[in-house]
C-alpha atoms as a PDB file:
ATOM      1  CA  MET A   1     -51.200 -36.031 -46.074  1.00  0.00           C
ATOM      2  CA  PHE A   2     -49.886 -37.072 -42.655  1.00  0.00           C
ATOM      3  CA  ALA A   3     -50.599 -40.226 -41.221  1.00  0.00           C
ATOM      4  CA  LYS A   4     -49.685 -40.899 -37.328  1.00  0.00           C
ATOM      5  CA  GLN A   5     -48.267 -44.536 -37.010  1.00  0.00           C
ATOM      6  CA  VAL A   6     -46.304 -46.648 -34.288  1.00  0.00           C
ATOM      7  CA  GLY A   7     -43.054 -48.618 -34.796  1.00  0.00           C
ATOM      8  CA  ARG A   8     -40.060 -50.048 -33.100  1.00  0.00           C
ATOM      9  CA  LEU A   9     -36.485 -50.022 -33.296  1.00  0.00           C
ATOM     10  CA  GLY A  10     -34.791 -52.775 -31.423  1.00  0.00           C
ATOM     11  CA  SER A  11     -36.215 -52.456 -27.978  1.00  0.00           C
ATOM     12  CA  GLN A  12     -37.627 -48.633 -28.333  1.00  0.00           C
ATOM     13  CA  THR A  13     -41.026 -48.051 -29.187  1.00  0.00           C
ATOM     14  CA  PHE A  14     -41.307 -44.387 -31.738  1.00  0.00           C
ATOM     15  CA  GLY A  15     -44.106 -42.989 -33.581  1.00  0.00           C
ATOM     16  CA  TYR A  16     -43.966 -41.645 -36.812  1.00  0.00           C
ATOM     17  CA  LEU A  17     -45.499 -39.687 -39.177  1.00  0.00           C
ATOM     18  CA  VAL A  18     -46.199 -41.191 -43.067  1.00  0.00           C
ATOM     19  CA  VAL A  19     -45.834 -37.785 -45.291  1.00  0.00           C
ATOM     20  CA  THR A  20     -46.722 -37.512 -49.078  1.00  0.00           C
ATOM     21  CA  ARG A  21     -44.226 -34.829 -50.637  1.00  0.00           C
ATOM     22  CA  GLY A  22     -44.540 -32.929 -53.680  1.00  0.00           C
ATOM     23  CA  ILE A  23     -42.197 -33.787 -55.402  1.00  0.00           C
ATOM     24  CA  GLN A  24     -41.981 -37.756 -56.180  1.00  0.00           C
ATOM     25  CA  GLN A  25     -39.188 -40.171 -56.426  1.00  0.00           C
ATOM     26  CA  ASN A  26     -37.071 -40.769 -59.555  1.00  0.00           C
ATOM     27  CA  ALA A  27     -37.944 -44.673 -60.002  1.00  0.00           C
ATOM     28  CA  LYS A  28     -34.277 -45.064 -61.679  1.00  0.00           C
ATOM     29  CA  LEU A  29     -32.992 -44.149 -59.029  1.00  0.00           C
ATOM     30  CA  ALA A  30     -34.990 -45.223 -56.165  1.00  0.00           C
ATOM     31  CA  THR A  31     -33.019 -48.391 -55.383  1.00  0.00           C
ATOM     32  CA  CYS A  32     -35.795 -49.245 -52.937  1.00  0.00           C
ATOM     33  CA  ALA A  33     -38.863 -47.621 -51.434  1.00  0.00           C
ATOM     34  CA  GLU A  34     -39.295 -49.421 -48.682  1.00  0.00           C
ATOM     35  CA  PHE A  35     -38.204 -47.751 -45.299  1.00  0.00           C
ATOM     36  CA  THR A  36     -40.233 -46.318 -42.098  1.00  0.00           C
ATOM     37  CA  PRO A  37     -40.551 -42.570 -41.344  1.00  0.00           C
ATOM     38  CA  VAL A  38     -38.660 -41.829 -37.836  1.00  0.00           C
ATOM     39  CA  GLN A  39     -39.915 -38.966 -36.174  1.00  0.00           C
ATOM     40  CA  ILE A  40     -37.940 -37.917 -32.646  1.00  0.00           C
ATOM     41  CA  ASP A  41     -38.522 -35.179 -30.138  1.00  0.00           C
ATOM     42  CA  VAL A  42     -36.010 -33.025 -29.613  1.00  0.00           C
ATOM     43  CA  PRO A  43     -36.017 -29.418 -27.457  1.00  0.00           C
ATOM     44  CA  TRP A  44     -36.599 -27.353 -29.601  1.00  0.00           C
ATOM     45  CA  GLY A  45     -38.874 -29.157 -31.665  1.00  0.00           C
ATOM     46  CA  LYS A  46     -38.527 -32.664 -34.285  1.00  0.00           C
ATOM     47  CA  ILE A  47     -35.712 -35.008 -35.921  1.00  0.00           C
ATOM     48  CA  GLU A  48     -36.851 -36.648 -38.918  1.00  0.00           C
ATOM     49  CA  ALA A  49     -35.510 -39.620 -40.171  1.00  0.00           C
ATOM     50  CA  LYS A  50     -35.628 -42.467 -42.491  1.00  0.00           C
ATOM     51  CA  LEU A  51     -35.002 -46.127 -41.034  1.00  0.00           C
ATOM     52  CA  TRP A  52     -33.615 -48.888 -44.198  1.00  0.00           C
ATOM     53  CA  GLY A  53     -33.800 -52.467 -43.055  1.00  0.00           C
ATOM     54  CA  SER A  54     -34.126 -54.230 -39.988  1.00  0.00           C
ATOM     55  CA  LYS A  55     -35.970 -52.879 -36.486  1.00  0.00           C
ATOM     56  CA  ASP A  56     -34.872 -55.450 -34.459  1.00  0.00           C
ATOM     57  CA  LYS A  57     -31.080 -54.344 -35.123  1.00  0.00           C
ATOM     58  CA  GLN A  58     -29.240 -51.106 -34.285  1.00  0.00           C
ATOM     59  CA  PRO A  59     -29.159 -49.153 -37.016  1.00  0.00           C
ATOM     60  CA  LEU A  60     -25.813 -47.093 -38.877  1.00  0.00           C
ATOM     61  CA  LEU A  61     -26.904 -43.641 -37.479  1.00  0.00           C
ATOM     62  CA  ALA A  62     -26.139 -41.659 -40.890  1.00  0.00           C
ATOM     63  CA  ILE A  63     -25.817 -38.036 -41.161  1.00  0.00           C
ATOM     64  CA  HIS A  64     -25.650 -36.101 -44.055  1.00  0.00           C
ATOM     65  CA  GLY A  65     -23.928 -33.135 -45.814  1.00  0.00           C
ATOM     66  CA  TRP A  66     -24.250 -29.105 -45.641  1.00  0.00           C
ATOM     67  CA  MET A  67     -27.281 -28.121 -46.864  1.00  0.00           C
ATOM     68  CA  ASP A  68     -28.496 -31.818 -47.958  1.00  0.00           C
ATOM     69  CA  ASN A  69     -30.970 -34.123 -45.991  1.00  0.00           C
ATOM     70  CA  ALA A  70     -31.459 -38.093 -45.309  1.00  0.00           C
ATOM     71  CA  GLY A  71     -32.471 -38.594 -48.530  1.00  0.00           C
ATOM     72  CA  SER A  72     -28.768 -38.234 -49.613  1.00  0.00           C
ATOM     73  CA  PHE A  73     -28.600 -41.788 -48.344  1.00  0.00           C
ATOM     74  CA  ASP A  74     -31.823 -43.314 -50.630  1.00  0.00           C
ATOM     75  CA  ASN A  75     -29.744 -45.095 -53.535  1.00  0.00           C
ATOM     76  CA  ILE A  76     -27.131 -46.580 -51.073  1.00  0.00           C
ATOM     77  CA  ALA A  77     -28.502 -47.346 -47.970  1.00  0.00           C
ATOM     78  CA  PRO A  78     -30.799 -50.147 -49.332  1.00  0.00           C
ATOM     79  CA  LEU A  79     -27.090 -51.448 -50.525  1.00  0.00           C
ATOM     80  CA  LEU A  80     -25.292 -52.432 -47.440  1.00  0.00           C
ATOM     81  CA  LYS A  81     -27.340 -55.518 -46.878  1.00  0.00           C
ATOM     82  CA  HIS A  82     -25.796 -56.252 -43.823  1.00  0.00           C
ATOM     83  CA  SER A  83     -26.875 -53.345 -42.018  1.00  0.00           C
ATOM     84  CA  SER A  84     -29.999 -51.332 -40.931  1.00  0.00           C
ATOM     85  CA  ILE A  85     -29.918 -47.307 -41.322  1.00  0.00           C
ATOM     86  CA  LEU A  86     -31.413 -44.125 -39.527  1.00  0.00           C
ATOM     87  CA  ALA A  87     -31.135 -41.080 -41.690  1.00  0.00           C
ATOM     88  CA  ILE A  88     -31.819 -37.736 -40.277  1.00  0.00           C
ATOM     89  CA  ASP A  89     -32.251 -34.675 -41.571  1.00  0.00           C
ATOM     90  CA  LEU A  90     -30.014 -32.481 -39.203  1.00  0.00           C
ATOM     91  CA  PRO A  91     -31.173 -29.103 -37.691  1.00  0.00           C
ATOM     92  CA  GLY A  92     -32.864 -27.003 -39.994  1.00  0.00           C
ATOM     93  CA  HIS A  93     -32.081 -29.256 -42.672  1.00  0.00           C
ATOM     94  CA  GLY A  94     -35.047 -31.649 -44.559  1.00  0.00           C
ATOM     95  CA  LEU A  95     -38.199 -32.003 -42.534  1.00  0.00           C
ATOM     96  CA  SER A  96     -36.306 -31.280 -39.260  1.00  0.00           C
ATOM     97  CA  SER A  97     -37.376 -28.718 -37.211  1.00  0.00           C
ATOM     98  CA  TRP A  98     -35.358 -25.093 -37.296  1.00  0.00           C
ATOM     99  CA  ILE A  99     -33.396 -24.171 -34.652  1.00  0.00           C
ATOM    100  CA  PRO A 100     -34.949 -20.732 -32.387  1.00  0.00           C
ATOM    101  CA  LYS A 101     -34.653 -17.264 -33.876  1.00  0.00           C
ATOM    102  CA  GLY A 102     -31.104 -15.407 -33.488  1.00  0.00           C
ATOM    103  CA  PHE A 103     -28.907 -18.194 -33.637  1.00  0.00           C
ATOM    104  CA  LEU A 104     -26.416 -19.394 -35.754  1.00  0.00           C
ATOM    105  CA  TYR A 105     -25.927 -22.977 -36.897  1.00  0.00           C
ATOM    106  CA  GLY A 106     -22.865 -25.072 -35.851  1.00  0.00           C
ATOM    107  CA  GLU A 107     -21.281 -27.939 -35.033  1.00  0.00           C
ATOM    108  CA  ASP A 108     -22.439 -28.385 -31.181  1.00  0.00           C
ATOM    109  CA  ILE A 109     -25.926 -27.918 -32.063  1.00  0.00           C
ATOM    110  CA  CYS A 110     -25.377 -30.677 -34.663  1.00  0.00           C
ATOM    111  CA  ALA A 111     -23.606 -33.111 -32.148  1.00  0.00           C
ATOM    112  CA  GLN A 112     -26.670 -32.650 -29.498  1.00  0.00           C
ATOM    113  CA  ALA A 113     -28.771 -33.548 -31.633  1.00  0.00           C
ATOM    114  CA  MET A 114     -27.216 -36.497 -32.764  1.00  0.00           C
ATOM    115  CA  ARG A 115     -26.468 -37.586 -28.747  1.00  0.00           C
ATOM    116  CA  LEU A 116     -30.045 -36.781 -28.850  1.00  0.00           C
ATOM    117  CA  VAL A 117     -30.793 -39.788 -30.587  1.00  0.00           C
ATOM    118  CA  VAL A 118     -28.442 -42.106 -29.203  1.00  0.00           C
ATOM    119  CA  LYS A 119     -30.306 -41.517 -26.335  1.00  0.00           C
ATOM    120  CA  LYS A 120     -33.325 -41.972 -27.562  1.00  0.00           C
ATOM    121  CA  PHE A 121     -33.027 -45.632 -28.353  1.00  0.00           C
ATOM    122  CA  GLY A 122     -30.581 -46.162 -25.517  1.00  0.00           C
ATOM    123  CA  TRP A 123     -27.454 -47.457 -27.663  1.00  0.00           C
ATOM    124  CA  LYS A 124     -24.333 -47.999 -25.561  1.00  0.00           C
ATOM    125  CA  LYS A 125     -22.240 -47.942 -28.835  1.00  0.00           C
ATOM    126  CA  VAL A 126     -23.417 -45.878 -32.169  1.00  0.00           C
ATOM    127  CA  LYS A 127     -22.548 -46.387 -35.339  1.00  0.00           C
ATOM    128  CA  LEU A 128     -21.486 -43.744 -37.352  1.00  0.00           C
ATOM    129  CA  LEU A 129     -22.113 -43.451 -41.171  1.00  0.00           C
ATOM    130  CA  GLY A 130     -21.466 -39.578 -42.720  1.00  0.00           C
ATOM    131  CA  HIS A 131     -21.216 -37.923 -46.006  1.00  0.00           C
ATOM    132  CA  SER A 132     -19.368 -34.413 -46.139  1.00  0.00           C
ATOM    133  CA  MET A 133     -19.977 -32.641 -43.895  1.00  0.00           C
ATOM    134  CA  GLY A 134     -21.516 -35.446 -41.874  1.00  0.00           C
ATOM    135  CA  GLY A 135     -18.419 -37.460 -42.306  1.00  0.00           C
ATOM    136  CA  ILE A 136     -16.700 -34.389 -40.214  1.00  0.00           C
ATOM    137  CA  LEU A 137     -19.490 -34.333 -37.472  1.00  0.00           C
ATOM    138  CA  CYS A 138     -19.035 -38.127 -36.706  1.00  0.00           C
ATOM    139  CA  HIS A 139     -15.378 -37.328 -36.643  1.00  0.00           C
ATOM    140  CA  ASN A 140     -16.110 -34.765 -34.268  1.00  0.00           C
ATOM    141  CA  TYR A 141     -18.729 -36.985 -32.360  1.00  0.00           C
ATOM    142  CA  ALA A 142     -15.804 -39.701 -32.222  1.00  0.00           C
ATOM    143  CA  ARG A 143     -13.525 -37.610 -30.039  1.00  0.00           C
ATOM    144  CA  LEU A 144     -16.096 -36.244 -28.360  1.00  0.00           C
ATOM    145  CA  TYR A 145     -17.142 -39.997 -26.855  1.00  0.00           C
ATOM    146  CA  PRO A 146     -14.370 -42.216 -28.326  1.00  0.00           C
ATOM    147  CA  ASP A 147     -15.364 -44.783 -25.924  1.00  0.00           C
ATOM    148  CA  GLU A 148     -19.367 -44.926 -26.987  1.00  0.00           C
ATOM    149  CA  THR A 149     -18.286 -44.540 -30.730  1.00  0.00           C
ATOM    150  CA  GLU A 150     -18.403 -48.451 -32.467  1.00  0.00           C
ATOM    151  CA  PHE A 151     -16.677 -47.431 -36.094  1.00  0.00           C
ATOM    152  CA  VAL A 152     -17.424 -44.625 -38.246  1.00  0.00           C
ATOM    153  CA  VAL A 153     -17.520 -44.593 -42.071  1.00  0.00           C
ATOM    154  CA  SER A 154     -16.738 -41.161 -43.621  1.00  0.00           C
ATOM    155  CA  ILE A 155     -17.299 -40.370 -47.060  1.00  0.00           C
ATOM    156  CA  ASP A 156     -15.597 -37.520 -48.778  1.00  0.00           C
ATOM    157  CA  ALA A 157     -14.512 -36.139 -45.837  1.00  0.00           C
ATOM    158  CA  LEU A 158     -12.807 -36.474 -42.494  1.00  0.00           C
ATOM    159  CA  ALA A 159     -12.182 -33.849 -40.075  1.00  0.00           C
ATOM    160  CA  PHE A 160     -13.174 -29.630 -39.924  1.00  0.00           C
ATOM    161  CA  VAL A 161     -10.896 -28.007 -42.457  1.00  0.00           C
ATOM    162  CA  PRO A 162      -8.282 -26.579 -40.678  1.00  0.00           C
ATOM    163  CA  ASN A 163      -8.094 -22.673 -39.959  1.00  0.00           C
ATOM    164  CA  THR A 164      -6.230 -19.366 -38.632  1.00  0.00           C
ATOM    165  CA  ILE A 165      -7.489 -17.520 -35.767  1.00  0.00           C
ATOM    166  CA  THR A 166      -7.238 -14.285 -38.093  1.00  0.00           C
ATOM    167  CA  LYS A 167      -8.864 -16.268 -41.098  1.00  0.00           C
ATOM    168  CA  HIS A 168     -12.011 -17.588 -38.891  1.00  0.00           C
ATOM    169  CA  SER A 169     -11.806 -14.139 -36.676  1.00  0.00           C
ATOM    170  CA  LYS A 170     -12.733 -12.169 -39.974  1.00  0.00           C
ATOM    171  CA  CYS A 171     -14.887 -14.804 -40.994  1.00  0.00           C
ATOM    172  CA  ARG A 172     -17.081 -15.031 -37.856  1.00  0.00           C
ATOM    173  CA  ALA A 173     -17.581 -11.408 -37.508  1.00  0.00           C
ATOM    174  CA  LYS A 174     -19.015 -11.176 -41.245  1.00  0.00           C
ATOM    175  CA  ALA A 175     -21.561 -14.422 -39.952  1.00  0.00           C
ATOM    176  CA  VAL A 176     -22.764 -12.553 -37.493  1.00  0.00           C
ATOM    177  CA  ASP A 177     -23.262  -9.462 -39.300  1.00  0.00           C
ATOM    178  CA  LYS A 178     -25.230 -11.659 -41.895  1.00  0.00           C
ATOM    179  CA  LEU A 179     -27.330 -13.190 -39.254  1.00  0.00           C
ATOM    180  CA  ILE A 180     -28.422  -9.862 -38.167  1.00  0.00           C
ATOM    181  CA  SER A 181     -29.040  -8.961 -41.354  1.00  0.00           C
ATOM    182  CA  PHE A 182     -31.335 -12.122 -42.776  1.00  0.00           C
ATOM    183  CA  GLU A 183     -33.305 -11.667 -38.996  1.00  0.00           C
ATOM    184  CA  LYS A 184     -34.526  -8.302 -40.278  1.00  0.00           C
ATOM    185  CA  LYS A 185     -35.091  -9.291 -43.697  1.00  0.00           C
ATOM    186  CA  VAL A 186     -36.965 -12.144 -43.291  1.00  0.00           C
ATOM    187  CA  THR A 187     -40.644 -12.827 -44.346  1.00  0.00           C
ATOM    188  CA  GLU A 188     -42.945 -15.620 -43.365  1.00  0.00           C
ATOM    189  CA  GLU A 189     -43.270 -16.663 -46.934  1.00  0.00           C
ATOM    190  CA  PRO A 190     -40.181 -17.889 -48.205  1.00  0.00           C
ATOM    191  CA  PRO A 191     -39.510 -17.271 -51.713  1.00  0.00           C
ATOM    192  CA  SER A 192     -40.538 -20.349 -54.513  1.00  0.00           C
ATOM    193  CA  TYR A 193     -39.710 -20.767 -57.813  1.00  0.00           C
ATOM    194  CA  PRO A 194     -41.167 -23.138 -60.957  1.00  0.00           C
ATOM    195  CA  GLU A 195     -39.614 -26.737 -60.251  1.00  0.00           C
ATOM    196  CA  GLU A 196     -37.273 -26.471 -62.912  1.00  0.00           C
ATOM    197  CA  VAL A 197     -35.833 -23.375 -61.272  1.00  0.00           C
ATOM    198  CA  ALA A 198     -35.382 -24.638 -58.114  1.00  0.00           C
ATOM    199  CA  ILE A 199     -33.525 -27.951 -58.904  1.00  0.00           C
ATOM    200  CA  ASP A 200     -31.654 -25.430 -61.296  1.00  0.00           C
ATOM    201  CA  LYS A 201     -30.511 -23.533 -58.248  1.00  0.00           C
ATOM    202  CA  TRP A 202     -30.029 -26.117 -56.007  1.00  0.00           C
ATOM    203  CA  ILE A 203     -27.544 -27.930 -58.790  1.00  0.00           C
ATOM    204  CA  LYS A 204     -25.423 -23.806 -59.163  1.00  0.00           C
ATOM    205  CA  ALA A 205     -25.096 -24.014 -55.055  1.00  0.00           C
ATOM    206  CA  VAL A 206     -22.854 -26.888 -55.049  1.00  0.00           C
ATOM    207  CA  LYS A 207     -20.295 -25.507 -57.152  1.00  0.00           C
ATOM    208  CA  PHE A 208     -17.817 -28.663 -56.468  1.00  0.00           C
ATOM    209  CA  SER A 209     -20.221 -31.499 -56.959  1.00  0.00           C
ATOM    210  CA  ASN A 210     -22.133 -33.353 -59.842  1.00  0.00           C
ATOM    211  CA  LEU A 211     -25.488 -33.096 -58.693  1.00  0.00           C
ATOM    212  CA  ASP A 212     -27.585 -33.773 -62.123  1.00  0.00           C
ATOM    213  CA  VAL A 213     -31.545 -33.378 -62.450  1.00  0.00           C
ATOM    214  CA  PRO A 214     -32.763 -36.946 -60.628  1.00  0.00           C
ATOM    215  CA  THR A 215     -30.205 -36.859 -58.053  1.00  0.00           C
ATOM    216  CA  THR A 216     -31.347 -33.037 -56.895  1.00  0.00           C
ATOM    217  CA  LYS A 217     -34.732 -33.956 -57.526  1.00  0.00           C
ATOM    218  CA  THR A 218     -33.944 -37.341 -55.149  1.00  0.00           C
ATOM    219  CA  LEU A 219     -32.807 -34.894 -52.377  1.00  0.00           C
ATOM    220  CA  MET A 220     -35.903 -32.392 -53.594  1.00  0.00           C
ATOM    221  CA  ILE A 221     -38.209 -34.831 -51.593  1.00  0.00           C
ATOM    222  CA  ARG A 222     -37.557 -33.736 -48.294  1.00  0.00           C
ATOM    223  CA  GLY A 223     -35.836 -30.333 -49.315  1.00  0.00           C
ATOM    224  CA  GLY A 224     -38.443 -28.690 -51.515  1.00  0.00           C
ATOM    225  CA  ASN A 225     -42.489 -28.118 -50.355  1.00  0.00           C
ATOM    226  CA  ARG A 226     -44.986 -27.702 -53.269  1.00  0.00           C
ATOM    227  CA  LYS A 227     -46.958 -24.906 -53.057  1.00  0.00           C
ATOM    228  CA  ASP A 228     -50.791 -24.528 -54.046  1.00  0.00           C
ATOM    229  CA  ASP A 229     -49.013 -22.558 -57.298  1.00  0.00           C
ATOM    230  CA  GLY A 230     -47.519 -25.250 -58.474  1.00  0.00           C
ATOM    231  CA  THR A 231     -43.847 -23.202 -57.408  1.00  0.00           C
ATOM    232  CA  TYR A 232     -41.362 -25.069 -54.569  1.00  0.00           C
ATOM    233  CA  TYR A 233     -39.478 -23.389 -51.543  1.00  0.00           C
ATOM    234  CA  TYR A 234     -36.549 -24.668 -49.698  1.00  0.00           C
ATOM    235  CA  THR A 235     -37.715 -26.573 -46.692  1.00  0.00           C
ATOM    236  CA  ARG A 236     -33.832 -25.616 -45.297  1.00  0.00           C
ATOM    237  CA  ASP A 237     -33.344 -22.882 -43.124  1.00  0.00           C
ATOM    238  CA  TYR A 238     -31.809 -19.806 -44.529  1.00  0.00           C
ATOM    239  CA  ARG A 239     -29.568 -19.095 -41.986  1.00  0.00           C
ATOM    240  CA  LEU A 240     -27.492 -22.214 -43.173  1.00  0.00           C
ATOM    241  CA  SER A 241     -26.371 -20.413 -46.038  1.00  0.00           C
ATOM    242  CA  ILE A 242     -24.266 -18.403 -43.533  1.00  0.00           C
ATOM    243  CA  GLN A 243     -20.866 -20.174 -43.665  1.00  0.00           C
ATOM    244  CA  ASN A 244     -17.986 -20.455 -41.725  1.00  0.00           C
ATOM    245  CA  PHE A 245     -20.127 -20.753 -38.424  1.00  0.00           C
ATOM    246  CA  ASN A 246     -17.731 -23.306 -36.661  1.00  0.00           C
ATOM    247  CA  ALA A 247     -16.069 -22.842 -33.666  1.00  0.00           C
ATOM    248  CA  CYS A 248     -11.712 -21.814 -35.148  1.00  0.00           C
ATOM    249  CA  TYR A 249     -10.224 -25.759 -35.331  1.00  0.00           C
ATOM    250  CA  THR A 250      -6.188 -25.013 -35.898  1.00  0.00           C
ATOM    251  CA  THR A 251      -4.490 -27.832 -37.612  1.00  0.00           C
ATOM    252  CA  GLU A 252      -3.001 -28.533 -33.849  1.00  0.00           C
ATOM    253  CA  VAL A 253      -5.850 -28.575 -32.443  1.00  0.00           C
ATOM    254  CA  ILE A 254      -7.379 -31.225 -34.994  1.00  0.00           C
ATOM    255  CA  ARG A 255      -4.639 -33.385 -34.378  1.00  0.00           C
ATOM    256  CA  GLU A 256      -5.031 -33.482 -31.123  1.00  0.00           C
ATOM    257  CA  MET A 257      -9.066 -34.154 -31.389  1.00  0.00           C
ATOM    258  CA  THR A 258      -7.711 -36.846 -33.837  1.00  0.00           C
ATOM    259  CA  GLN A 259      -5.921 -38.758 -30.774  1.00  0.00           C
ATOM    260  CA  LEU A 260      -8.884 -39.071 -28.747  1.00  0.00           C
ATOM    261  CA  ILE A 261     -10.260 -41.473 -31.836  1.00  0.00           C
ATOM    262  CA  THR A 262      -9.323 -45.187 -31.366  1.00  0.00           C
ATOM    263  CA  CYS A 263     -12.684 -46.822 -33.102  1.00  0.00           C
ATOM    264  CA  PRO A 264     -12.643 -48.952 -36.411  1.00  0.00           C
ATOM    265  CA  TYR A 265     -12.643 -46.008 -38.880  1.00  0.00           C
ATOM    266  CA  MET A 266     -13.087 -45.835 -43.093  1.00  0.00           C
ATOM    267  CA  VAL A 267     -12.461 -42.940 -45.309  1.00  0.00           C
ATOM    268  CA  ILE A 268     -13.375 -43.056 -48.729  1.00  0.00           C
ATOM    269  CA  LYS A 269     -12.215 -39.824 -50.581  1.00  0.00           C
ATOM    270  CA  PHE A 270     -13.041 -39.178 -54.003  1.00  0.00           C
ATOM    271  CA  SER A 271     -10.743 -37.662 -56.628  1.00  0.00           C
ATOM    272  CA  GLN A 272     -12.968 -34.910 -58.277  1.00  0.00           C
ATOM    273  CA  THR A 273     -13.381 -32.521 -55.422  1.00  0.00           C
ATOM    274  CA  PRO A 274     -10.748 -29.952 -55.388  1.00  0.00           C
ATOM    275  CA  PHE A 275     -12.700 -28.310 -52.680  1.00  0.00           C
ATOM    276  CA  LEU A 276     -11.950 -31.254 -49.766  1.00  0.00           C
ATOM    277  CA  SER A 277      -8.743 -31.301 -50.913  1.00  0.00           C
ATOM    278  CA  PHE A 278      -7.247 -34.345 -48.791  1.00  0.00           C
ATOM    279  CA  ASP A 279      -3.674 -33.844 -48.923  1.00  0.00           C
ATOM    280  CA  LYS A 280      -3.647 -29.991 -48.335  1.00  0.00           C
ATOM    281  CA  TYR A 281      -6.314 -30.760 -45.189  1.00  0.00           C
ATOM    282  CA  TRP A 282      -6.027 -33.997 -43.622  1.00  0.00           C
ATOM    283  CA  THR A 283      -3.000 -35.757 -44.216  1.00  0.00           C
ATOM    284  CA  ASN A 284      -1.281 -35.497 -40.866  1.00  0.00           C
ATOM    285  CA  VAL A 285      -5.480 -36.773 -39.643  1.00  0.00           C
ATOM    286  CA  ALA A 286      -4.967 -40.019 -41.529  1.00  0.00           C
ATOM    287  CA  GLU A 287      -1.664 -40.332 -40.000  1.00  0.00           C
ATOM    288  CA  ILE A 288      -2.471 -40.642 -36.689  1.00  0.00           C
ATOM    289  CA  LEU A 289      -6.041 -42.402 -37.294  1.00  0.00           C
ATOM    290  CA  THR A 290      -3.485 -45.771 -39.277  1.00  0.00           C
ATOM    291  CA  GLU A 291      -1.576 -45.552 -35.534  1.00  0.00           C
ATOM    292  CA  LYS A 292      -4.443 -44.707 -33.346  1.00  0.00           C
ATOM    293  CA  SER A 293      -7.842 -46.741 -35.113  1.00  0.00           C
ATOM    294  CA  SER A 294      -7.913 -50.298 -34.049  1.00  0.00           C
ATOM    295  CA  ASP A 295      -8.349 -50.418 -37.726  1.00  0.00           C
ATOM    296  CA  PHE A 296      -7.905 -47.807 -40.361  1.00  0.00           C
ATOM    297  CA  HIS A 297      -9.206 -47.766 -43.802  1.00  0.00           C
ATOM    298  CA  PHE A 298      -8.405 -45.430 -46.915  1.00  0.00           C
ATOM    299  CA  VAL A 299      -9.784 -45.652 -50.008  1.00  0.00           C
ATOM    300  CA  GLU A 300      -9.520 -43.154 -52.628  1.00  0.00           C
ATOM    301  CA  MET A 301     -11.659 -43.339 -55.730  1.00  0.00           C
ATOM    302  CA  ASP A 302     -11.814 -41.451 -59.056  1.00  0.00           C
ATOM    303  CA  GLY A 303     -15.730 -39.389 -59.148  1.00  0.00           C
ATOM    304  CA  TRP A 304     -16.778 -36.742 -57.415  1.00  0.00           C
ATOM    305  CA  HIS A 305     -19.131 -35.176 -54.232  1.00  0.00           C
ATOM    306  CA  HIS A 306     -21.958 -37.148 -54.310  1.00  0.00           C
ATOM    307  CA  MET A 307     -20.693 -40.397 -55.895  1.00  0.00           C
ATOM    308  CA  HIS A 308     -22.935 -41.935 -53.428  1.00  0.00           C
ATOM    309  CA  MET A 309     -25.975 -41.078 -54.801  1.00  0.00           C
ATOM    310  CA  MET A 310     -24.411 -41.067 -58.294  1.00  0.00           C
ATOM    311  CA  GLU A 311     -22.767 -44.605 -58.359  1.00  0.00           C
ATOM    312  CA  PRO A 312     -24.251 -46.292 -54.632  1.00  0.00           C
ATOM    313  CA  GLU A 313     -23.421 -49.979 -55.965  1.00  0.00           C
ATOM    314  CA  LYS A 314     -19.625 -49.135 -56.338  1.00  0.00           C
ATOM    315  CA  ILE A 315     -19.508 -46.871 -53.288  1.00  0.00           C
ATOM    316  CA  ALA A 316     -21.461 -49.712 -51.403  1.00  0.00           C
ATOM    317  CA  ASP A 317     -19.282 -52.533 -52.642  1.00  0.00           C
ATOM    318  CA  VAL A 318     -16.498 -50.718 -50.875  1.00  0.00           C
ATOM    319  CA  ILE A 319     -18.231 -50.320 -47.543  1.00  0.00           C
ATOM    320  CA  ASN A 320     -20.022 -53.858 -47.205  1.00  0.00           C
ATOM    321  CA  PRO A 321     -16.814 -55.928 -46.515  1.00  0.00           C
ATOM    322  CA  PHE A 322     -16.090 -52.981 -43.686  1.00  0.00           C
ATOM    323  CA  LEU A 323     -19.465 -53.785 -42.280  1.00  0.00           C
ATOM    324  CA  GLU A 324     -19.054 -57.448 -42.496  1.00  0.00           C
ATOM    325  CA  LYS A 325     -16.187 -56.816 -40.295  1.00  0.00           C
ATOM    326  CA  HIS A 326     -17.373 -54.758 -38.152  1.00  0.00           C
ATOM    327  CA  ASP A 327     -21.103 -54.436 -37.746  1.00  0.00           C
ATOM    328  CA  VAL A 328     -21.778 -57.809 -35.359  1.00  0.00           C
END
């Protein structure tokens, strides 16, 4: 069911759709069901989003991780009581439009989507909150627009993972060939599965996390759709499964990118995420932020990759003092 409504975000008027989804929110995990759906026009279609908190205060722009969606912030957003949160579905994720056929996803289309949201609401400076790939995209945005970034809060990620030209060339070539193969095989009807199978496949696809069934159901509110026969298909673009789609960023390039960032910056790292080894990838980046950021905080916590969904109270307790200081 769809119902057209009109709302306001600060001084800006926007239209949005209220959508009834196939999978219902788990009551135990849903800290607050009160949010405003937001829909933003972009050249390739729509960016769908969720707004928590006052519409009279500029919200944090929340960016989810790879293959997730705005539901990633369902449990923590209501706990960030000092702030409003606008969580978007990145292009190809959740309910947002897919990019045109024949193209790969990458950091540029994500930066463009973030910039279009900022321009839509006329924010002079953006406040960023990101998880996983979303945290990396926030780092990228902050170096692109250092004078227009108020602060960044990054959960379990920091910057692009360093690469070499040789490794990147091989991976990129495979990605292009995989895209061509996918475009030949794709059909109008996506594969669908019984609910328990769809949930199990989602959990197994995230090898470095601790997603459980209730948390996955939260993500599937926007990430899965129910057919008339009772089975579910994923709403995300199949091309997102083609990894290694970013440009090649060497260690030195990432260091130079980080030199441009001066805003207050908080990084929360979970100890049980071996795929995102801070010591291996980002020690130098953190050292630069310690020098360049006007207020850099690094917090290491015990836990896995989706702790902001699994134990949101613990993560909110760490973030709230930073927001009380900088989200004024």
